[in-house]
Amino acid sequence: MLNRLVVPARKLLPTHAFARGVSVLVGGTAGAQLLTLLAAPLLTRLYAPEDFGLLAVYGGLLALFTVVASGRYQLAIPLPETEREASAVLALSLLVVCLTTMVSLLLVALGGRGLAELLGVPALAPWLWLLPLGVAFAGGYQAVSHWAVRTRAFSTIAATRIKQSLALLTIQLLASPMGGAGLLLGHAAGQGAGTLTLARPALRAVRQHGVTPREVWAVARRYCKFPLFSTWSGLFNTLGKQLPPLLFAALFSPVAAGLYALAHRVLAMPMTLIGEAIGKVFFASAAEAHRRGELGALVARVHGVLAQLAMPAAIVLVLSGPELFALVFGQRWREAGEFARWMAPWLYMVFITSPLSHLFTVLERQGQGLIFQTVLLVVRVAAIATGAAANDLLLTVALFSLGSALCWIGFLAWIARLTGNRPVSLALSTLTALLMSLALLAPLVVVETLGPVWLPWGAALLLSAALVGIRYLLLFRKAYQ
């Protein structure tokens, strides 16, 4: 029955390899995120902000381990010219995941309770045993999904995204009487779902090529820049992202961490994961485009499309963030909407630039990537320290978000120079997207500016959403031409 639906759907995909890959991955990712977003209003009524704060702290710790779980060797899997060498990189990645899992298990066993108390969430201590399990699942998924990227099994990756969301949401909904623990159990289950599907062909390739320890050691030395530079770059990037929930819980309260976590979850999931899907396909195509001297044109095209996609959502959040959050998630989450208003410019910049960060890998400039992530981390720490000194949570969120946005603007200018694009041309793409979005959102802009005199706020929102939907449809059709 499933094949009867999938086969005709595949015929609708664009014939261009890049657009086809994006369509498959974005379709699977969008489906998974749609499930998550549809369930969010129910979850916010089943769980309190402090429960989401517990999840935010656990998720932050897991993210820090996950980013180094395979030593970033998984990023090198698509690069080798031969399948045998790529299989050796895959085996190396999985081996490092096993070692990282053992380290996390040891740390939890020796200092888990003290860590939970230090972070201001002692209720997390009995559930920290989920951390090593999450590291194994998430690290393994990273490795085998990059093998799937190499083999261009984009439809399989998309299917695993759906499985992950279904497993996560099912357990979180059923386990709501357990409080925050239900969110943690669902998160752990979601990490593992779908991994086996991707692991089978990946492990089969390792066995077929008969990878030896000597070959694993050889690729470990060949791609040593990934653990030496890219690991630290990824760790600093993830640490910068996870600082707010970790430090908000410790410096303010678990409720503060929960409010921020919901705002970030609702905004970042669709933006960053769709961007990640495009980024994976960009990564698969960028190396070839670089060899043909077409990398600059590819970067400009991807940036222009991303700007058109993200700008309307960013403007809506700036205009009506608190009202939207109160309407969708309940009045006790209105403050999360205030956070979202300040976070929108930052997450917009992340969406349009993070897929292009794969250029650090394609061009083997991991050292410069490390410098960027270091600067970003310093700016974020300074922002949080300034806001905490003033004991103002909203100020902390605003400084963190605006500082991050400025760093990503600098990164985009660097990308333009590196790929032979004029920064002005990329800026014009952003300006075009801004003007087009303001025109589409004119009803909402008028109501927010002048008040709902001639048109109710809800009607203005629906009318603007319809206009944006038509614009997305036109962009979608253009990709197929």
Protein backbone atom coordinates (compact mmCIF):
# COMPACT_ATOMS: atom_id res chain seq x y z
CA MET A 1 0.00 0.00 0.00
CA LEU A 2 2.83 2.38 0.91
CA ASN A 3 4.59 1.71 -2.40
CA ARG A 4 1.41 2.66 -4.32
CA LEU A 5 1.63 6.07 -2.72
CA VAL A 6 5.41 6.53 -2.85
CA VAL A 7 6.00 5.57 -6.49
CA PRO A 8 3.53 8.12 -7.98
CA ALA A 9 4.84 10.74 -5.56
CA ARG A 10 8.39 10.22 -6.79
CA LYS A 11 7.25 11.02 -10.34
CA LEU A 12 6.30 14.48 -9.10
CA LEU A 13 9.86 15.24 -8.00
CA PRO A 14 11.99 17.58 -10.12
CA THR A 15 14.44 15.97 -12.52
CA HIS A 16 17.37 18.23 -11.58
CA ALA A 17 19.53 16.29 -9.10
CA PHE A 18 19.94 19.13 -6.59
CA ALA A 19 16.28 20.13 -6.61
CA ARG A 20 15.20 16.49 -6.42
CA GLY A 21 17.43 15.80 -3.43
CA VAL A 22 16.21 18.93 -1.67
CA SER A 23 12.59 18.00 -2.38
CA VAL A 24 12.93 14.53 -0.90
CA LEU A 25 14.80 15.61 2.22
CA VAL A 26 12.72 18.71 2.80
CA GLY A 27 9.54 16.68 2.29
CA GLY A 28 10.55 14.13 4.93
CA THR A 29 11.86 16.80 7.28
CA ALA A 30 8.78 18.98 6.79
CA GLY A 31 6.52 16.00 7.50
CA ALA A 32 8.43 15.19 10.67
CA GLN A 33 8.39 18.79 11.84
CA LEU A 34 4.73 19.18 10.97
CA LEU A 35 3.96 16.33 13.35
CA THR A 36 6.05 18.00 16.04
CA LEU A 37 4.45 21.40 15.55
CA LEU A 38 0.93 19.97 15.50
CA ALA A 39 1.59 18.19 18.78
CA ALA A 40 3.25 21.21 20.45
CA PRO A 41 0.00 22.96 21.53
CA LEU A 42 -1.12 19.74 23.20
CA LEU A 43 2.25 19.15 24.86
CA THR A 44 2.32 22.69 26.28
CA ARG A 45 -1.02 21.98 27.97
CA LEU A 46 0.12 18.60 29.32
CA TYR A 47 3.52 19.78 30.56
CA ALA A 48 4.53 22.84 32.58
CA PRO A 49 7.37 25.26 31.64
CA GLU A 50 9.61 23.67 34.29
CA ASP A 51 9.12 20.28 32.58
CA PHE A 52 10.34 21.76 29.32
CA GLY A 53 13.22 23.26 31.30
CA LEU A 54 14.20 19.76 32.41
CA LEU A 55 14.14 18.61 28.79
CA ALA A 56 16.14 21.65 27.68
CA VAL A 57 18.96 20.92 30.12
CA TYR A 58 19.05 17.22 29.19
CA GLY A 59 18.91 18.09 25.49
CA GLY A 60 21.74 20.59 25.94
CA LEU A 61 23.99 18.02 27.61
CA LEU A 62 23.16 15.43 24.94
CA ALA A 63 23.88 17.91 22.15
CA LEU A 64 27.34 18.64 23.57
CA PHE A 65 28.19 14.94 23.58
CA THR A 66 26.58 14.28 20.21
CA VAL A 67 28.55 16.92 18.34
CA VAL A 68 31.80 15.15 19.26
CA ALA A 69 30.36 11.62 19.32
CA SER A 70 32.16 10.50 16.15
CA GLY A 71 35.03 12.97 16.24
CA ARG A 72 33.34 14.70 13.29
CA TYR A 73 34.75 11.98 11.05
CA GLN A 74 31.21 11.43 9.74
CA LEU A 75 31.60 14.67 7.77
CA ALA A 76 34.38 13.03 5.75
CA ILE A 77 32.25 10.05 4.62
CA PRO A 78 30.99 11.71 1.38
CA LEU A 79 34.49 12.93 0.39
CA PRO A 80 36.61 9.85 -0.63
CA GLU A 81 36.63 8.89 -4.31
CA THR A 82 36.48 5.13 -3.59
CA GLU A 83 33.78 3.24 -1.75
CA ARG A 84 36.40 1.25 0.16
CA GLU A 85 37.98 4.35 1.67
CA ALA A 86 34.55 5.78 2.49
CA SER A 87 33.65 2.50 4.24
CA ALA A 88 36.80 2.81 6.33
CA VAL A 89 35.78 6.33 7.37
CA LEU A 90 32.35 5.00 8.33
CA ALA A 91 33.89 2.25 10.44
CA LEU A 92 36.13 4.82 12.12
CA SER A 93 33.15 7.06 12.87
CA LEU A 94 31.20 4.24 14.52
CA LEU A 95 34.24 3.21 16.55
CA VAL A 96 34.63 6.73 17.92
CA VAL A 97 30.88 6.76 18.76
CA CYS A 98 31.38 3.66 20.92
CA LEU A 99 34.27 5.31 22.77
CA THR A 100 32.29 8.53 23.33
CA THR A 101 29.35 6.52 24.68
CA MET A 102 31.60 4.81 27.21
CA VAL A 103 33.01 8.16 28.33
CA SER A 104 29.52 9.61 28.84
CA LEU A 105 28.49 6.52 30.80
CA LEU A 106 31.49 6.90 33.09
CA LEU A 107 30.82 10.60 33.68
CA VAL A 108 27.17 9.99 34.53
CA ALA A 109 28.07 7.17 36.92
CA LEU A 110 30.69 9.23 38.75
CA GLY A 111 29.24 12.73 38.79
CA GLY A 112 25.70 12.73 37.47
CA ARG A 113 23.98 13.92 40.63
CA GLY A 114 26.48 16.71 41.24
CA LEU A 115 26.11 17.89 37.64
CA ALA A 116 22.31 18.03 37.93
CA GLU A 117 22.52 20.11 41.11
CA LEU A 118 25.12 22.43 39.58
CA LEU A 119 22.79 23.12 36.65
CA GLY A 120 19.88 23.88 38.98
CA VAL A 121 17.80 20.83 38.02
CA PRO A 122 18.25 18.16 40.72
CA ALA A 123 15.13 16.40 39.39
CA LEU A 124 17.21 15.42 36.35
CA ALA A 125 19.65 13.27 38.34
CA PRO A 126 17.57 10.00 38.33
CA TRP A 127 17.19 10.23 34.56
CA LEU A 128 20.75 10.99 33.50
CA TRP A 129 21.21 7.30 32.61
CA LEU A 130 19.40 8.24 29.40
CA LEU A 131 22.38 10.39 28.38
CA PRO A 132 24.75 7.56 27.27
CA LEU A 133 21.85 5.88 25.47
CA GLY A 134 21.12 9.12 23.63
CA VAL A 135 24.80 9.55 22.71
CA ALA A 136 24.91 6.07 21.18
CA PHE A 137 21.69 6.60 19.21
CA ALA A 138 22.42 10.15 18.02
CA GLY A 139 26.09 9.51 17.22
CA GLY A 140 25.29 6.33 15.32
CA TYR A 141 22.56 8.09 13.36
CA GLN A 142 24.97 10.86 12.36
CA ALA A 143 27.43 8.37 10.92
CA VAL A 144 25.00 6.19 8.99
CA SER A 145 22.99 9.17 7.72
CA HIS A 146 26.15 10.63 6.16
CA TRP A 147 26.70 7.30 4.44
CA ALA A 148 23.16 7.65 3.11
CA VAL A 149 24.06 11.16 1.91
CA ARG A 150 27.04 9.71 0.03
CA THR A 151 24.84 7.10 -1.66
CA ARG A 152 22.15 9.76 -2.21
CA ALA A 153 19.56 7.69 -0.36
CA PHE A 154 17.65 10.87 0.44
CA SER A 155 14.24 9.18 0.53
CA THR A 156 15.49 6.76 3.20
CA ILE A 157 16.79 9.63 5.33
CA ALA A 158 13.43 11.38 4.96
CA ALA A 159 11.59 8.25 6.12
CA THR A 160 13.74 8.02 9.25
CA ARG A 161 12.88 11.62 10.11
CA ILE A 162 9.21 10.66 10.16
CA LYS A 163 9.91 7.60 12.33
CA GLN A 164 11.87 9.70 14.80
CA SER A 165 9.08 12.24 15.21
CA LEU A 166 6.40 9.56 15.58
CA ALA A 167 8.36 7.71 18.26
CA LEU A 168 9.17 10.91 20.14
CA LEU A 169 5.65 12.29 20.15
CA THR A 170 3.91 9.00 20.92
CA ILE A 171 5.93 8.43 24.06
CA GLN A 172 5.78 12.06 25.19
CA LEU A 173 1.99 12.10 24.88
CA LEU A 174 1.48 8.75 26.60
CA ALA A 175 3.98 9.45 29.38
CA SER A 176 2.65 12.92 30.29
CA PRO A 177 1.54 11.75 33.80
CA MET A 178 5.24 11.27 34.59
CA GLY A 179 5.91 14.99 34.21
CA GLY A 180 9.26 16.04 32.80
CA ALA A 181 10.47 12.43 32.72
CA GLY A 182 7.94 11.74 29.96
CA LEU A 183 9.58 14.39 27.78
CA LEU A 184 12.99 12.84 28.41
CA LEU A 185 11.89 9.30 27.56
CA GLY A 186 10.27 10.45 24.34
CA HIS A 187 13.39 12.37 23.36
CA ALA A 188 15.60 9.32 23.89
CA ALA A 189 13.27 7.07 21.88
CA GLY A 190 13.16 9.56 19.03
CA GLN A 191 16.96 9.54 18.78
CA GLY A 192 17.00 5.80 18.20
CA ALA A 193 14.07 5.43 15.81
CA GLY A 194 15.11 4.96 12.21
CA THR A 195 18.79 4.39 12.94
CA LEU A 196 18.61 0.66 12.16
CA THR A 197 17.10 1.38 8.72
CA LEU A 198 20.11 3.47 7.74
CA ALA A 199 22.61 1.25 9.54
CA ARG A 200 21.90 -1.91 7.53
CA PRO A 201 23.23 -0.74 4.13
CA ALA A 202 26.05 1.18 5.80
CA LEU A 203 27.31 -1.82 7.79
CA ARG A 204 26.80 -4.06 4.76
CA ALA A 205 29.21 -1.85 2.82
CA VAL A 206 31.83 -2.13 5.57
CA ARG A 207 31.57 -5.92 5.53
CA GLN A 208 31.63 -6.16 1.73
CA HIS A 209 34.80 -4.12 1.43
CA GLY A 210 36.47 -6.00 4.26
CA VAL A 211 37.80 -2.86 5.95
CA THR A 212 40.94 -3.57 7.98
CA PRO A 213 42.29 -1.83 11.11
CA ARG A 214 45.21 -0.59 9.00
CA GLU A 215 42.79 1.16 6.62
CA VAL A 216 40.85 2.65 9.52
CA TRP A 217 44.07 4.06 10.94
CA ALA A 218 45.03 5.40 7.52
CA VAL A 219 41.79 7.37 7.09
CA ALA A 220 42.04 8.58 10.70
CA ARG A 221 45.33 10.21 9.75
CA ARG A 222 44.13 11.34 6.30
CA TYR A 223 41.14 13.22 7.72
CA CYS A 224 42.68 14.29 11.03
CA LYS A 225 41.60 17.90 10.43
CA PHE A 226 38.05 16.91 11.29
CA PRO A 227 38.74 15.96 14.94
CA LEU A 228 41.49 18.57 15.29
CA PHE A 229 39.53 21.52 13.94
CA SER A 230 35.96 20.64 12.98
CA THR A 231 35.28 18.95 16.34
CA TRP A 232 36.16 22.09 18.23
CA SER A 233 34.27 24.21 15.72
CA GLY A 234 31.17 22.05 16.12
CA LEU A 235 31.56 21.93 19.89
CA PHE A 236 31.82 25.71 20.17
CA ASN A 237 28.81 26.14 17.88
CA THR A 238 26.72 23.67 19.87
CA LEU A 239 27.90 25.09 23.17
CA GLY A 240 26.83 28.54 21.99
CA LYS A 241 23.39 27.19 21.09
CA GLN A 242 22.97 25.27 24.35
CA LEU A 243 24.28 27.97 26.68
CA PRO A 244 20.89 29.69 27.10
CA PRO A 245 18.89 26.72 28.46
CA LEU A 246 21.81 25.46 30.56
CA LEU A 247 22.66 28.85 32.05
CA PHE A 248 19.06 30.09 32.27
CA ALA A 249 18.26 27.11 34.49
CA ALA A 250 21.33 27.75 36.65
CA LEU A 251 21.18 31.58 36.76
CA PHE A 252 17.42 32.19 36.68
CA SER A 253 15.16 29.11 37.02
CA PRO A 254 14.03 25.94 35.21
CA VAL A 255 10.92 27.89 34.17
CA ALA A 256 13.12 30.41 32.33
CA ALA A 257 14.90 27.56 30.58
CA GLY A 258 11.55 26.02 29.65
CA LEU A 259 10.19 29.24 28.15
CA TYR A 260 13.31 29.72 26.07
CA ALA A 261 13.32 26.04 25.08
CA LEU A 262 9.78 26.20 23.70
CA ALA A 263 10.50 29.38 21.73
CA HIS A 264 13.68 27.90 20.32
CA ARG A 265 12.01 24.56 19.60
CA VAL A 266 9.11 26.06 17.68
CA LEU A 267 11.29 28.47 15.71
CA ALA A 268 14.48 26.50 15.22
CA MET A 269 13.03 23.11 14.33
CA PRO A 270 11.38 23.99 11.04
CA MET A 271 13.99 26.61 10.14
CA THR A 272 17.20 24.75 10.98
CA LEU A 273 16.09 21.25 10.02
CA ILE A 274 14.78 22.27 6.62
CA GLY A 275 18.01 24.23 6.26
CA GLU A 276 19.91 21.12 7.35
CA ALA A 277 18.14 19.07 4.69
CA ILE A 278 19.11 21.60 2.04
CA GLY A 279 22.60 21.70 3.54
CA LYS A 280 23.06 17.94 3.16
CA VAL A 281 22.16 18.11 -0.51
CA PHE A 282 24.34 21.21 -0.90
CA PHE A 283 27.21 19.27 0.70
CA ALA A 284 26.69 16.42 -1.75
CA SER A 285 26.77 18.84 -4.72
CA ALA A 286 29.26 21.50 -3.56
CA ALA A 287 32.41 19.39 -4.01
CA GLU A 288 31.53 18.66 -7.62
CA ALA A 289 30.53 22.28 -8.27
CA HIS A 290 33.86 23.41 -6.80
CA ARG A 291 35.78 21.13 -9.16
CA ARG A 292 33.85 22.55 -12.14
CA GLY A 293 34.32 26.16 -11.02
CA GLU A 294 30.57 26.63 -10.41
CA LEU A 295 30.58 26.93 -6.62
CA GLY A 296 29.88 30.67 -6.57
CA ALA A 297 26.75 30.32 -8.69
CA LEU A 298 25.50 27.45 -6.54
CA VAL A 299 26.01 29.45 -3.33
CA ALA A 300 24.19 32.48 -4.73
CA ARG A 301 21.26 30.35 -5.90
CA VAL A 302 20.89 28.51 -2.58
CA HIS A 303 21.16 31.74 -0.58
CA GLY A 304 18.47 33.44 -2.67
CA VAL A 305 16.00 30.59 -2.22
CA LEU A 306 16.64 30.34 1.53
CA ALA A 307 16.07 34.09 1.97
CA GLN A 308 12.71 33.91 0.17
CA LEU A 309 11.64 30.97 2.34
CA ALA A 310 12.64 32.33 5.74
CA MET A 311 11.88 36.05 5.58
CA PRO A 312 8.05 35.91 5.92
CA ALA A 313 8.20 33.77 9.07
CA ALA A 314 10.81 36.06 10.64
CA ILE A 315 8.69 39.17 10.02
CA VAL A 316 5.55 37.55 11.44
CA LEU A 317 7.39 36.63 14.64
CA VAL A 318 8.76 40.14 15.07
CA LEU A 319 5.30 41.62 14.56
CA SER A 320 3.12 39.16 16.47
CA GLY A 321 5.27 36.71 18.44
CA PRO A 322 3.60 37.10 21.87
CA GLU A 323 0.06 36.99 20.45
CA LEU A 324 0.81 33.89 18.38
CA PHE A 325 2.35 31.99 21.29
CA ALA A 326 -0.51 32.88 23.63
CA LEU A 327 -3.06 31.80 21.02
CA VAL A 328 -1.40 28.51 20.07
CA PHE A 329 0.22 27.34 23.31
CA GLY A 330 -1.78 29.05 26.04
CA GLN A 331 -1.45 32.28 28.00
CA ARG A 332 1.29 30.96 30.30
CA TRP A 333 3.57 30.77 27.24
CA ARG A 334 3.14 34.42 26.16
CA GLU A 335 6.58 35.31 27.50
CA ALA A 336 8.06 32.66 25.22
CA GLY A 337 6.55 34.69 22.37
CA GLU A 338 8.48 37.74 23.60
CA PHE A 339 11.62 35.64 23.40
CA ALA A 340 10.67 34.54 19.88
CA ARG A 341 10.32 38.17 18.77
CA TRP A 342 14.00 38.80 19.60
CA MET A 343 15.18 35.41 18.37
CA ALA A 344 13.65 35.77 14.89
CA PRO A 345 16.50 37.81 13.26
CA TRP A 346 19.12 35.43 14.63
CA LEU A 347 17.33 32.27 13.49
CA TYR A 348 16.67 33.83 10.10
CA MET A 349 20.40 34.33 9.65
CA VAL A 350 21.09 30.78 10.83
CA PHE A 351 18.60 29.42 8.31
CA ILE A 352 20.08 31.23 5.31
CA THR A 353 23.73 30.67 6.23
CA SER A 354 24.12 27.37 8.12
CA PRO A 355 23.67 25.18 4.99
CA LEU A 356 26.58 27.10 3.47
CA SER A 357 28.81 26.27 6.45
CA HIS A 358 29.55 22.95 4.73
CA LEU A 359 32.00 24.97 2.63
CA PHE A 360 34.45 24.73 5.53
CA THR A 361 34.50 20.98 4.86
CA VAL A 362 34.38 21.08 1.05
CA LEU A 363 37.27 23.54 0.87
CA GLU A 364 39.07 21.91 3.84
CA ARG A 365 39.21 25.20 5.75
CA GLN A 366 38.28 23.78 9.14
CA GLY A 367 40.72 26.15 10.86
CA GLN A 368 38.78 29.20 9.71
CA GLY A 369 35.56 27.51 10.76
CA LEU A 370 37.03 27.08 14.22
CA ILE A 371 37.91 30.79 14.39
CA PHE A 372 34.35 31.75 13.47
CA GLN A 373 32.80 29.45 16.06
CA THR A 374 35.21 30.75 18.71
CA VAL A 375 34.20 34.35 18.03
CA LEU A 376 30.53 33.35 18.07
CA LEU A 377 30.92 31.58 21.42
CA VAL A 378 32.73 34.55 23.00
CA VAL A 379 30.01 36.95 21.83
CA ARG A 380 27.28 34.69 23.23
CA VAL A 381 28.99 34.23 26.59
CA ALA A 382 29.45 37.98 26.87
CA ALA A 383 25.78 38.56 26.03
CA ILE A 384 24.55 36.12 28.67
CA ALA A 385 26.96 37.51 31.27
CA THR A 386 25.75 41.06 30.61
CA GLY A 387 22.08 40.10 30.87
CA ALA A 388 22.62 37.99 33.99
CA ALA A 389 24.51 40.87 35.66
CA ALA A 390 21.47 43.06 35.05
CA ASN A 391 19.21 40.23 36.31
CA ASP A 392 16.99 40.76 33.26
CA LEU A 393 15.95 37.59 31.42
CA LEU A 394 14.45 39.33 28.37
CA LEU A 395 17.54 41.53 28.00
CA THR A 396 19.68 38.40 28.12
CA VAL A 397 17.68 36.79 25.30
CA ALA A 398 17.80 39.98 23.23
CA LEU A 399 21.57 40.44 23.59
CA PHE A 400 22.23 36.77 22.88
CA SER A 401 20.08 36.78 19.75
CA LEU A 402 21.27 40.06 18.26
CA GLY A 403 24.92 39.25 18.95
CA SER A 404 24.50 35.89 17.25
CA ALA A 405 22.79 37.50 14.25
CA LEU A 406 25.67 39.95 13.77
CA CYS A 407 28.19 37.10 13.80
CA TRP A 408 26.24 35.20 11.14
CA ILE A 409 26.07 38.34 8.99
CA GLY A 410 29.86 38.49 9.13
CA PHE A 411 30.01 34.81 8.22
CA LEU A 412 27.80 35.39 5.16
CA ALA A 413 30.10 38.20 4.00
CA TRP A 414 33.08 35.85 4.36
CA ILE A 415 31.28 33.15 2.33
CA ALA A 416 30.56 35.68 -0.42
CA ARG A 417 34.21 36.65 -0.65
CA LEU A 418 35.41 33.03 -0.54
CA THR A 419 33.14 31.92 -3.40
CA GLY A 420 33.64 34.95 -5.63
CA ASN A 421 30.22 36.49 -4.92
CA ARG A 422 29.93 40.18 -4.22
CA PRO A 423 28.53 40.79 -0.71
CA VAL A 424 26.30 43.45 -2.26
CA SER A 425 24.65 40.86 -4.52
CA LEU A 426 23.79 38.65 -1.56
CA ALA A 427 22.54 41.68 0.35
CA LEU A 428 20.29 42.54 -2.59
CA SER A 429 18.81 39.03 -2.44
CA THR A 430 17.97 39.63 1.23
CA LEU A 431 16.52 43.07 0.49
CA THR A 432 14.39 41.62 -2.31
CA ALA A 433 13.08 38.94 0.04
CA LEU A 434 12.33 41.60 2.69
CA LEU A 435 10.36 43.83 0.34
CA MET A 436 8.46 40.90 -1.14
CA SER A 437 7.61 39.59 2.33
CA LEU A 438 6.43 42.99 3.58
CA ALA A 439 4.13 43.22 0.55
CA LEU A 440 2.70 39.76 1.22
CA LEU A 441 2.29 40.52 4.93
CA ALA A 442 0.79 43.98 4.37
CA PRO A 443 -2.54 43.13 6.08
CA LEU A 444 -0.75 42.00 9.25
CA VAL A 445 1.68 44.93 9.15
CA VAL A 446 -1.19 47.42 8.90
CA VAL A 447 -3.12 45.82 11.78
CA GLU A 448 -0.05 45.64 14.05
CA THR A 449 0.91 49.23 13.22
CA LEU A 450 -2.45 51.01 13.18
CA GLY A 451 -4.53 48.63 15.26
CA PRO A 452 -7.37 46.31 14.20
CA VAL A 453 -9.67 49.13 13.12
CA TRP A 454 -10.71 47.94 9.67
CA LEU A 455 -9.63 44.32 9.89
CA PRO A 456 -9.48 41.95 12.89
CA TRP A 457 -6.04 40.64 13.82
CA GLY A 458 -6.99 37.01 13.14
CA ALA A 459 -8.35 37.84 9.69
CA ALA A 460 -5.21 39.83 8.85
CA LEU A 461 -3.06 36.89 9.91
CA LEU A 462 -5.04 34.43 7.76
CA LEU A 463 -5.01 36.73 4.73
CA SER A 464 -1.25 37.25 5.04
CA ALA A 465 -0.71 33.50 5.45
CA ALA A 466 -2.69 32.86 2.25
CA LEU A 467 -0.57 35.34 0.30
CA VAL A 468 2.65 33.82 1.63
CA GLY A 469 1.34 30.35 0.76
CA ILE A 470 0.78 31.43 -2.84
CA ARG A 471 4.32 32.80 -2.95
CA TYR A 472 5.73 29.48 -1.66
CA LEU A 473 3.71 27.63 -4.29
CA LEU A 474 5.23 29.79 -7.04
CA LEU A 475 8.73 29.16 -5.69
CA PHE A 476 7.97 25.44 -5.57
CA ARG A 477 6.81 25.42 -9.20
CA LYS A 478 9.91 27.36 -10.28
CA ALA A 479 12.15 24.65 -8.80
CA TYR A 480 10.55 22.11 -11.09
CA GLN A 481 11.11 24.01 -14.31
